[in-house]
Amino acid sequence: MEKKNSKLVMEYKSNEILKVFFEIHTLKNLFRQGCLKKGVEKKLCENVADHSPSITMLTWLIADR
């Protein structure tokens, strides 16, 4: 019985990881809204997937001071 439960837990965790992965993957198609509102063409706008890591690193560098 314990093996069956542990398999169910692993399947659940795998499904949750995949859900998060695909949610993050959609950020490539979500353009920064501030750019769009200012009239910048989509092809020139940064998407959220590109923006997030650079802002994370900047925040980390500032916080480390």
Protein backbone atom coordinates (compact mmCIF):
# COMPACT_ATOMS: atom_id res chain seq x y z
CA MET A 1 0.00 0.00 0.00
CA GLU A 2 2.84 2.40 0.84
CA LYS A 3 4.35 1.92 -2.64
CA LYS A 4 1.04 2.78 -4.26
CA ASN A 5 0.68 5.93 -2.15
CA SER A 6 4.22 7.04 -2.89
CA LYS A 7 3.59 6.52 -6.63
CA LEU A 8 0.44 8.66 -6.41
CA VAL A 9 2.38 11.39 -4.60
CA MET A 10 5.11 11.33 -7.27
CA GLU A 11 2.52 11.50 -10.06
CA TYR A 12 0.84 14.45 -8.32
CA LYS A 13 4.15 16.27 -7.87
CA SER A 14 5.08 15.60 -11.49
CA ASN A 15 1.76 16.99 -12.69
CA GLU A 16 2.14 20.08 -10.50
CA ILE A 17 5.68 20.66 -11.79
CA LEU A 18 4.46 20.38 -15.36
CA LYS A 19 1.61 22.82 -14.68
CA VAL A 20 4.09 25.37 -13.32
CA PHE A 21 6.48 24.77 -16.22
CA PHE A 22 3.80 25.38 -18.83
CA GLU A 23 2.53 28.45 -16.97
CA ILE A 24 6.05 29.89 -16.95
CA HIS A 25 6.47 28.95 -20.61
CA THR A 26 3.48 31.13 -21.55
CA LEU A 27 5.37 34.17 -20.26
CA LYS A 28 7.28 34.15 -23.55
CA ASN A 29 4.06 35.23 -25.24
CA LEU A 30 3.14 37.89 -22.69
CA PHE A 31 4.58 41.25 -23.64
CA ARG A 32 5.35 43.97 -21.12
CA GLN A 33 2.15 45.97 -20.89
CA GLY A 34 3.85 49.29 -20.18
CA CYS A 35 5.63 49.12 -23.53
CA LEU A 36 2.44 48.27 -25.38
CA LYS A 37 0.49 51.06 -23.64
CA LYS A 38 3.17 53.54 -24.73
CA GLY A 39 2.72 52.42 -28.34
CA VAL A 40 5.89 50.38 -28.74
CA GLU A 41 5.49 47.73 -31.46
CA LYS A 42 5.22 44.15 -30.19
CA LYS A 43 8.31 43.11 -32.12
CA LEU A 44 10.31 45.67 -30.12
CA CYS A 45 8.71 44.92 -26.73
CA GLU A 46 10.41 42.76 -24.17
CA ASN A 47 8.37 39.77 -23.04
CA VAL A 48 7.89 38.89 -19.37
CA ALA A 49 10.09 35.78 -19.69
CA ASP A 50 13.03 37.91 -20.83
CA HIS A 51 12.39 40.67 -18.32
CA SER A 52 12.02 38.60 -15.15
CA PRO A 53 15.51 37.03 -14.93
CA SER A 54 17.30 40.33 -15.54
CA ILE A 55 15.23 42.14 -12.91
CA THR A 56 15.78 39.24 -10.50
CA MET A 57 19.55 39.51 -10.95
CA LEU A 58 19.46 43.29 -10.56
CA THR A 59 17.45 42.96 -7.34
CA TRP A 60 19.81 40.29 -6.04
CA LEU A 61 22.85 42.49 -6.76
CA ILE A 62 21.29 45.50 -5.05
CA ALA A 63 20.16 43.45 -2.04
CA ASP A 64 23.65 42.00 -1.65
CA ARG A 65 25.14 45.45 -0.97
